[in-house]
Amino acid sequence: LACRAAAAVPGLSGFYGVDLVLGPEGDWVIEI
């Protein structure tokens, strides 16, 4: 999920963090 989210942001490079919520209702990217 984090890799898919990062790939969806054109030009993203270097160090970055992907905040996720993982749970029984589904998994979500909160922010990059």
PDB file of all heavy atoms in Angstrom:
ATOM      1  N   LEU A   1       0.828  -1.205   0.000  1.00  0.00           N
ATOM      2  CA  LEU A   1       0.000   0.000   0.000  1.00  0.00           C
ATOM      3  C   LEU A   1       0.864   1.258   0.000  1.00  0.00           C
ATOM      4  O   LEU A   1       0.601   2.210  -0.747  1.00  0.00           O
ATOM      5  CB  LEU A   1      -0.929  -0.010   1.212  1.00  0.00           C
ATOM      6  CG  LEU A   1      -1.881   1.179   1.356  1.00  0.00           C
ATOM      7  CD1 LEU A   1      -2.767   1.339   0.130  1.00  0.00           C
ATOM      8  CD2 LEU A   1      -2.716   1.016   2.615  1.00  0.00           C
ATOM      9  N   ALA A   2       1.902   1.284   0.811  1.00  0.00           N
ATOM     10  CA  ALA A   2       2.788   2.456   0.862  1.00  0.00           C
ATOM     11  C   ALA A   2       3.484   2.670  -0.474  1.00  0.00           C
ATOM     12  O   ALA A   2       3.590   3.808  -0.953  1.00  0.00           O
ATOM     13  CB  ALA A   2       3.812   2.285   1.979  1.00  0.00           C
ATOM     14  N   CYS A   3       3.936   1.609  -1.096  1.00  0.00           N
ATOM     15  CA  CYS A   3       4.595   1.728  -2.412  1.00  0.00           C
ATOM     16  C   CYS A   3       3.622   2.214  -3.472  1.00  0.00           C
ATOM     17  O   CYS A   3       3.981   3.046  -4.320  1.00  0.00           O
ATOM     18  CB  CYS A   3       5.215   0.394  -2.818  1.00  0.00           C
ATOM     19  SG  CYS A   3       6.667  -0.054  -1.832  1.00  0.00           S
ATOM     20  N   ARG A   4       2.400   1.725  -3.445  1.00  0.00           N
ATOM     21  CA  ARG A   4       1.393   2.189  -4.406  1.00  0.00           C
ATOM     22  C   ARG A   4       1.078   3.664  -4.216  1.00  0.00           C
ATOM     23  O   ARG A   4       0.940   4.417  -5.180  1.00  0.00           O
ATOM     24  CB  ARG A   4       0.114   1.357  -4.281  1.00  0.00           C
ATOM     25  CG  ARG A   4       0.255  -0.047  -4.859  1.00  0.00           C
ATOM     26  CD  ARG A   4      -1.011  -0.878  -4.764  1.00  0.00           C
ATOM     27  NE  ARG A   4      -2.185  -0.158  -5.200  1.00  0.00           N
ATOM     28  CZ  ARG A   4      -3.384  -0.259  -4.630  1.00  0.00           C
ATOM     29  NH1 ARG A   4      -3.559  -1.068  -3.596  1.00  0.00           N
ATOM     30  NH2 ARG A   4      -4.408   0.427  -5.089  1.00  0.00           N
ATOM     31  N   ALA A   5       0.992   4.095  -2.967  1.00  0.00           N
ATOM     32  CA  ALA A   5       0.709   5.509  -2.677  1.00  0.00           C
ATOM     33  C   ALA A   5       1.851   6.391  -3.162  1.00  0.00           C
ATOM     34  O   ALA A   5       1.625   7.428  -3.795  1.00  0.00           O
ATOM     35  CB  ALA A   5       0.483   5.697  -1.183  1.00  0.00           C
ATOM     36  N   ALA A   6       3.078   5.991  -2.876  1.00  0.00           N
ATOM     37  CA  ALA A   6       4.235   6.785  -3.299  1.00  0.00           C
ATOM     38  C   ALA A   6       4.328   6.845  -4.823  1.00  0.00           C
ATOM     39  O   ALA A   6       4.649   7.893  -5.390  1.00  0.00           O
ATOM     40  CB  ALA A   6       5.513   6.191  -2.713  1.00  0.00           C
ATOM     41  N   ALA A   7       4.023   5.748  -5.487  1.00  0.00           N
ATOM     42  CA  ALA A   7       4.076   5.719  -6.957  1.00  0.00           C
ATOM     43  C   ALA A   7       3.018   6.634  -7.582  1.00  0.00           C
ATOM     44  O   ALA A   7       3.171   7.073  -8.719  1.00  0.00           O
ATOM     45  CB  ALA A   7       3.898   4.284  -7.455  1.00  0.00           C
ATOM     46  N   ALA A   8       1.980   6.944  -6.831  1.00  0.00           N
ATOM     47  CA  ALA A   8       0.895   7.796  -7.350  1.00  0.00           C
ATOM     48  C   ALA A   8       1.213   9.289  -7.270  1.00  0.00           C
ATOM     49  O   ALA A   8       0.439  10.110  -7.759  1.00  0.00           O
ATOM     50  CB  ALA A   8      -0.396   7.496  -6.591  1.00  0.00           C
ATOM     51  N   VAL A   9       2.355   9.636  -6.665  1.00  0.00           N
ATOM     52  CA  VAL A   9       2.728  11.054  -6.525  1.00  0.00           C
ATOM     53  C   VAL A   9       3.856  11.353  -7.511  1.00  0.00           C
ATOM     54  O   VAL A   9       4.997  10.954  -7.286  1.00  0.00           O
ATOM     55  CB  VAL A   9       3.170  11.377  -5.080  1.00  0.00           C
ATOM     56  CG1 VAL A   9       3.568  12.836  -4.963  1.00  0.00           C
ATOM     57  CG2 VAL A   9       2.071  11.030  -4.104  1.00  0.00           C
ATOM     58  N   PRO A  10       3.552  12.066  -8.594  1.00  0.00           N
ATOM     59  CA  PRO A  10       4.591  12.372  -9.588  1.00  0.00           C
ATOM     60  C   PRO A  10       5.729  13.190  -8.975  1.00  0.00           C
ATOM     61  O   PRO A  10       5.497  14.120  -8.204  1.00  0.00           O
ATOM     62  CB  PRO A  10       3.848  13.212 -10.635  1.00  0.00           C
ATOM     63  CG  PRO A  10       2.403  12.931 -10.421  1.00  0.00           C
ATOM     64  CD  PRO A  10       2.251  12.607  -8.962  1.00  0.00           C
ATOM     65  N   GLY A  11       6.959  12.802  -9.278  1.00  0.00           N
ATOM     66  CA  GLY A  11       8.122  13.550  -8.833  1.00  0.00           C
ATOM     67  C   GLY A  11       8.567  13.291  -7.409  1.00  0.00           C
ATOM     68  O   GLY A  11       9.545  13.877  -6.957  1.00  0.00           O
ATOM     69  N   LEU A  12       7.889  12.424  -6.680  1.00  0.00           N
ATOM     70  CA  LEU A  12       8.269  12.137  -5.295  1.00  0.00           C
ATOM     71  C   LEU A  12       9.613  11.414  -5.291  1.00  0.00           C
ATOM     72  O   LEU A  12       9.793  10.418  -5.980  1.00  0.00           O
ATOM     73  CB  LEU A  12       7.195  11.266  -4.622  1.00  0.00           C
ATOM     74  CG  LEU A  12       7.386  10.970  -3.150  1.00  0.00           C
ATOM     75  CD1 LEU A  12       7.310  12.254  -2.324  1.00  0.00           C
ATOM     76  CD2 LEU A  12       6.340   9.986  -2.669  1.00  0.00           C
ATOM     77  N   SER A  13      10.553  11.930  -4.526  1.00  0.00           N
ATOM     78  CA  SER A  13      11.864  11.280  -4.420  1.00  0.00           C
ATOM     79  C   SER A  13      12.485  11.644  -3.084  1.00  0.00           C
ATOM     80  O   SER A  13      11.977  12.499  -2.356  1.00  0.00           O
ATOM     81  CB  SER A  13      12.777  11.722  -5.570  1.00  0.00           C
ATOM     82  OG  SER A  13      13.057  13.098  -5.472  1.00  0.00           O
ATOM     83  N   GLY A  14      13.579  11.004  -2.762  1.00  0.00           N
ATOM     84  CA  GLY A  14      14.261  11.273  -1.507  1.00  0.00           C
ATOM     85  C   GLY A  14      13.593  10.560  -0.345  1.00  0.00           C
ATOM     86  O   GLY A  14      12.976   9.512  -0.511  1.00  0.00           O
ATOM     87  N   PHE A  15      13.717  11.137   0.828  1.00  0.00           N
ATOM     88  CA  PHE A  15      13.151  10.537   2.033  1.00  0.00           C
ATOM     89  C   PHE A  15      11.740  11.052   2.238  1.00  0.00           C
ATOM     90  O   PHE A  15      11.487  12.245   2.157  1.00  0.00           O
ATOM     91  CB  PHE A  15      14.005  10.885   3.253  1.00  0.00           C
ATOM     92  CG  PHE A  15      15.398  10.362   3.152  1.00  0.00           C
ATOM     93  CD1 PHE A  15      16.456  11.228   2.990  1.00  0.00           C
ATOM     94  CD2 PHE A  15      15.644   9.002   3.208  1.00  0.00           C
ATOM     95  CE1 PHE A  15      17.755  10.744   2.888  1.00  0.00           C
ATOM     96  CE2 PHE A  15      16.934   8.511   3.108  1.00  0.00           C
ATOM     97  CZ  PHE A  15      17.994   9.394   2.943  1.00  0.00           C
ATOM     98  N   TYR A  16      10.835  10.146   2.510  1.00  0.00           N
ATOM     99  CA  TYR A  16       9.455  10.526   2.793  1.00  0.00           C
ATOM    100  C   TYR A  16       8.826   9.453   3.654  1.00  0.00           C
ATOM    101  O   TYR A  16       9.292   8.321   3.712  1.00  0.00           O
ATOM    102  CB  TYR A  16       8.642  10.749   1.509  1.00  0.00           C
ATOM    103  CG  TYR A  16       8.702   9.599   0.546  1.00  0.00           C
ATOM    104  CD1 TYR A  16       7.820   8.540   0.647  1.00  0.00           C
ATOM    105  CD2 TYR A  16       9.653   9.562  -0.456  1.00  0.00           C
ATOM    106  CE1 TYR A  16       7.870   7.473  -0.227  1.00  0.00           C
ATOM    107  CE2 TYR A  16       9.713   8.498  -1.344  1.00  0.00           C
ATOM    108  CZ  TYR A  16       8.828   7.459  -1.227  1.00  0.00           C
ATOM    109  OH  TYR A  16       8.895   6.410  -2.093  1.00  0.00           O
ATOM    110  N   GLY A  17       7.778   9.828   4.337  1.00  0.00           N
ATOM    111  CA  GLY A  17       7.046   8.889   5.177  1.00  0.00           C
ATOM    112  C   GLY A  17       5.627   8.742   4.675  1.00  0.00           C
ATOM    113  O   GLY A  17       5.025   9.701   4.197  1.00  0.00           O
ATOM    114  N   VAL A  18       5.113   7.545   4.748  1.00  0.00           N
ATOM    115  CA  VAL A  18       3.728   7.271   4.358  1.00  0.00           C
ATOM    116  C   VAL A  18       3.000   6.788   5.604  1.00  0.00           C
ATOM    117  O   VAL A  18       3.360   5.769   6.180  1.00  0.00           O
ATOM    118  CB  VAL A  18       3.647   6.205   3.233  1.00  0.00           C
ATOM    119  CG1 VAL A  18       2.212   5.941   2.841  1.00  0.00           C
ATOM    120  CG2 VAL A  18       4.472   6.629   2.024  1.00  0.00           C
ATOM    121  N   ASP A  19       2.006   7.556   6.035  1.00  0.00           N
ATOM    122  CA  ASP A  19       1.218   7.187   7.210  1.00  0.00           C
ATOM    123  C   ASP A  19       0.031   6.343   6.772  1.00  0.00           C
ATOM    124  O   ASP A  19      -0.709   6.729   5.868  1.00  0.00           O
ATOM    125  CB  ASP A  19       0.725   8.431   7.941  1.00  0.00           C
ATOM    126  CG  ASP A  19       1.860   9.208   8.599  1.00  0.00           C
ATOM    127  OD1 ASP A  19       2.963   8.652   8.719  1.00  0.00           O
ATOM    128  OD2 ASP A  19       1.626  10.357   8.992  1.00  0.00           O
ATOM    129  N   LEU A  20      -0.133   5.209   7.424  1.00  0.00           N
ATOM    130  CA  LEU A  20      -1.184   4.250   7.082  1.00  0.00           C
ATOM    131  C   LEU A  20      -2.033   3.929   8.296  1.00  0.00           C
ATOM    132  O   LEU A  20      -1.560   4.007   9.428  1.00  0.00           O
ATOM    133  CB  LEU A  20      -0.569   2.931   6.596  1.00  0.00           C
ATOM    134  CG  LEU A  20       0.472   2.968   5.495  1.00  0.00           C
ATOM    135  CD1 LEU A  20       1.094   1.593   5.332  1.00  0.00           C
ATOM    136  CD2 LEU A  20      -0.147   3.432   4.204  1.00  0.00           C
ATOM    137  N   VAL A  21      -3.249   3.530   8.030  1.00  0.00           N
ATOM    138  CA  VAL A  21      -4.099   2.903   9.031  1.00  0.00           C
ATOM    139  C   VAL A  21      -4.466   1.542   8.465  1.00  0.00           C
ATOM    140  O   VAL A  21      -4.986   1.443   7.349  1.00  0.00           O
ATOM    141  CB  VAL A  21      -5.375   3.728   9.318  1.00  0.00           C
ATOM    142  CG1 VAL A  21      -6.312   2.963  10.230  1.00  0.00           C
ATOM    143  CG2 VAL A  21      -5.019   5.067   9.922  1.00  0.00           C
ATOM    144  N   LEU A  22      -4.155   0.497   9.220  1.00  0.00           N
ATOM    145  CA  LEU A  22      -4.447  -0.869   8.794  1.00  0.00           C
ATOM    146  C   LEU A  22      -5.481  -1.450   9.753  1.00  0.00           C
ATOM    147  O   LEU A  22      -5.312  -1.367  10.964  1.00  0.00           O
ATOM    148  CB  LEU A  22      -3.179  -1.724   8.821  1.00  0.00           C
ATOM    149  CG  LEU A  22      -1.972  -1.175   8.049  1.00  0.00           C
ATOM    150  CD1 LEU A  22      -0.763  -2.061   8.264  1.00  0.00           C
ATOM    151  CD2 LEU A  22      -2.293  -1.051   6.574  1.00  0.00           C
ATOM    152  N   GLY A  23      -6.544  -2.007   9.223  1.00  0.00           N
ATOM    153  CA  GLY A  23      -7.559  -2.542  10.117  1.00  0.00           C
ATOM    154  C   GLY A  23      -8.533  -3.468   9.426  1.00  0.00           C
ATOM    155  O   GLY A  23      -8.499  -3.643   8.212  1.00  0.00           O
ATOM    156  N   PRO A  24      -9.413  -4.063  10.198  1.00  0.00           N
ATOM    157  CA  PRO A  24     -10.367  -5.030   9.659  1.00  0.00           C
ATOM    158  C   PRO A  24     -11.353  -4.419   8.666  1.00  0.00           C
ATOM    159  O   PRO A  24     -11.878  -5.104   7.794  1.00  0.00           O
ATOM    160  CB  PRO A  24     -11.088  -5.566  10.904  1.00  0.00           C
ATOM    161  CG  PRO A  24     -10.866  -4.542  11.965  1.00  0.00           C
ATOM    162  CD  PRO A  24      -9.574  -3.875  11.643  1.00  0.00           C
ATOM    163  N   GLU A  25     -11.572  -3.111   8.757  1.00  0.00           N
ATOM    164  CA  GLU A  25     -12.499  -2.442   7.822  1.00  0.00           C
ATOM    165  C   GLU A  25     -11.817  -2.064   6.522  1.00  0.00           C
ATOM    166  O   GLU A  25     -12.473  -1.623   5.584  1.00  0.00           O
ATOM    167  CB  GLU A  25     -13.080  -1.185   8.481  1.00  0.00           C
ATOM    168  CG  GLU A  25     -13.814  -1.448   9.764  1.00  0.00           C
ATOM    169  CD  GLU A  25     -15.104  -2.229   9.540  1.00  0.00           C
ATOM    170  OE1 GLU A  25     -15.768  -1.992   8.524  1.00  0.00           O
ATOM    171  OE2 GLU A  25     -15.424  -3.078  10.385  1.00  0.00           O
ATOM    172  N   GLY A  26     -10.501  -2.179   6.477  1.00  0.00           N
ATOM    173  CA  GLY A  26      -9.737  -1.818   5.289  1.00  0.00           C
ATOM    174  C   GLY A  26      -8.459  -1.094   5.663  1.00  0.00           C
ATOM    175  O   GLY A  26      -8.251  -0.737   6.826  1.00  0.00           O
ATOM    176  N   ASP A  27      -7.615  -0.912   4.690  1.00  0.00           N
ATOM    177  CA  ASP A  27      -6.338  -0.248   4.893  1.00  0.00           C
ATOM    178  C   ASP A  27      -6.358   1.078   4.139  1.00  0.00           C
ATOM    179  O   ASP A  27      -6.831   1.141   3.000  1.00  0.00           O
ATOM    180  CB  ASP A  27      -5.199  -1.130   4.378  1.00  0.00           C
ATOM    181  CG  ASP A  27      -5.170  -2.486   5.060  1.00  0.00           C
ATOM    182  OD1 ASP A  27      -5.586  -2.573   6.227  1.00  0.00           O
ATOM    183  OD2 ASP A  27      -4.736  -3.459   4.420  1.00  0.00           O
ATOM    184  N   TRP A  28      -5.830   2.126   4.764  1.00  0.00           N
ATOM    185  CA  TRP A  28      -5.931   3.472   4.204  1.00  0.00           C
ATOM    186  C   TRP A  28      -4.622   4.227   4.321  1.00  0.00           C
ATOM    187  O   TRP A  28      -3.926   4.135   5.331  1.00  0.00           O
ATOM    188  CB  TRP A  28      -7.005   4.272   4.949  1.00  0.00           C
ATOM    189  CG  TRP A  28      -8.329   3.596   4.933  1.00  0.00           C
ATOM    190  CD1 TRP A  28      -8.837   2.744   5.885  1.00  0.00           C
ATOM    191  CD2 TRP A  28      -9.317   3.657   3.919  1.00  0.00           C
ATOM    192  NE1 TRP A  28     -10.072   2.301   5.524  1.00  0.00           N
ATOM    193  CE2 TRP A  28     -10.403   2.850   4.310  1.00  0.00           C
ATOM    194  CE3 TRP A  28      -9.394   4.337   2.710  1.00  0.00           C
ATOM    195  CZ2 TRP A  28     -11.536   2.693   3.536  1.00  0.00           C
ATOM    196  CZ3 TRP A  28     -10.527   4.189   1.940  1.00  0.00           C
ATOM    197  CH2 TRP A  28     -11.581   3.373   2.361  1.00  0.00           C
ATOM    198  N   VAL A  29      -4.294   4.990   3.291  1.00  0.00           N
ATOM    199  CA  VAL A  29      -3.192   5.939   3.359  1.00  0.00           C
ATOM    200  C   VAL A  29      -3.766   7.232   3.920  1.00  0.00           C
ATOM    201  O   VAL A  29      -4.765   7.746   3.414  1.00  0.00           O
ATOM    202  CB  VAL A  29      -2.575   6.189   1.968  1.00  0.00           C
ATOM    203  CG1 VAL A  29      -1.532   7.293   2.026  1.00  0.00           C
ATOM    204  CG2 VAL A  29      -1.966   4.907   1.412  1.00  0.00           C
ATOM    205  N   ILE A  30      -3.139   7.753   4.957  1.00  0.00           N
ATOM    206  CA  ILE A  30      -3.599   8.987   5.578  1.00  0.00           C
ATOM    207  C   ILE A  30      -2.888  10.191   4.960  1.00  0.00           C
ATOM    208  O   ILE A  30      -3.499  11.176   4.597  1.00  0.00           O
ATOM    209  CB  ILE A  30      -3.358   8.956   7.103  1.00  0.00           C
ATOM    210  CG1 ILE A  30      -4.080   7.770   7.735  1.00  0.00           C
ATOM    211  CG2 ILE A  30      -3.774  10.269   7.750  1.00  0.00           C
ATOM    212  CD1 ILE A  30      -5.582   7.767   7.513  1.00  0.00           C
ATOM    213  N   GLU A  31      -1.547  10.113   4.860  1.00  0.00           N
ATOM    214  CA  GLU A  31      -0.794  11.206   4.263  1.00  0.00           C
ATOM    215  C   GLU A  31       0.599  10.729   3.879  1.00  0.00           C
ATOM    216  O   GLU A  31       1.068   9.700   4.353  1.00  0.00           O
ATOM    217  CB  GLU A  31      -0.687  12.399   5.218  1.00  0.00           C
ATOM    218  CG  GLU A  31       0.087  12.104   6.482  1.00  0.00           C
ATOM    219  CD  GLU A  31       0.147  13.303   7.427  1.00  0.00           C
ATOM    220  OE1 GLU A  31      -0.289  14.401   7.031  1.00  0.00           O
ATOM    221  OE2 GLU A  31       0.642  13.136   8.540  1.00  0.00           O
ATOM    222  N   ILE A  32       1.228  11.505   3.009  1.00  0.00           N
ATOM    223  CA  ILE A  32       2.615  11.285   2.626  1.00  0.00           C
ATOM    224  C   ILE A  32       3.382  12.533   3.050  1.00  0.00           C
ATOM    225  O   ILE A  32       3.027  13.648   2.674  1.00  0.00           O
ATOM    226  CB  ILE A  32       2.750  11.036   1.114  1.00  0.00           C
ATOM    227  CG1 ILE A  32       1.972   9.773   0.718  1.00  0.00           C
ATOM    228  CG2 ILE A  32       4.230  10.911   0.731  1.00  0.00           C
ATOM    229  CD1 ILE A  32       1.933   9.515  -0.767  1.00  0.00           C
TER     230      ILE A  32
END
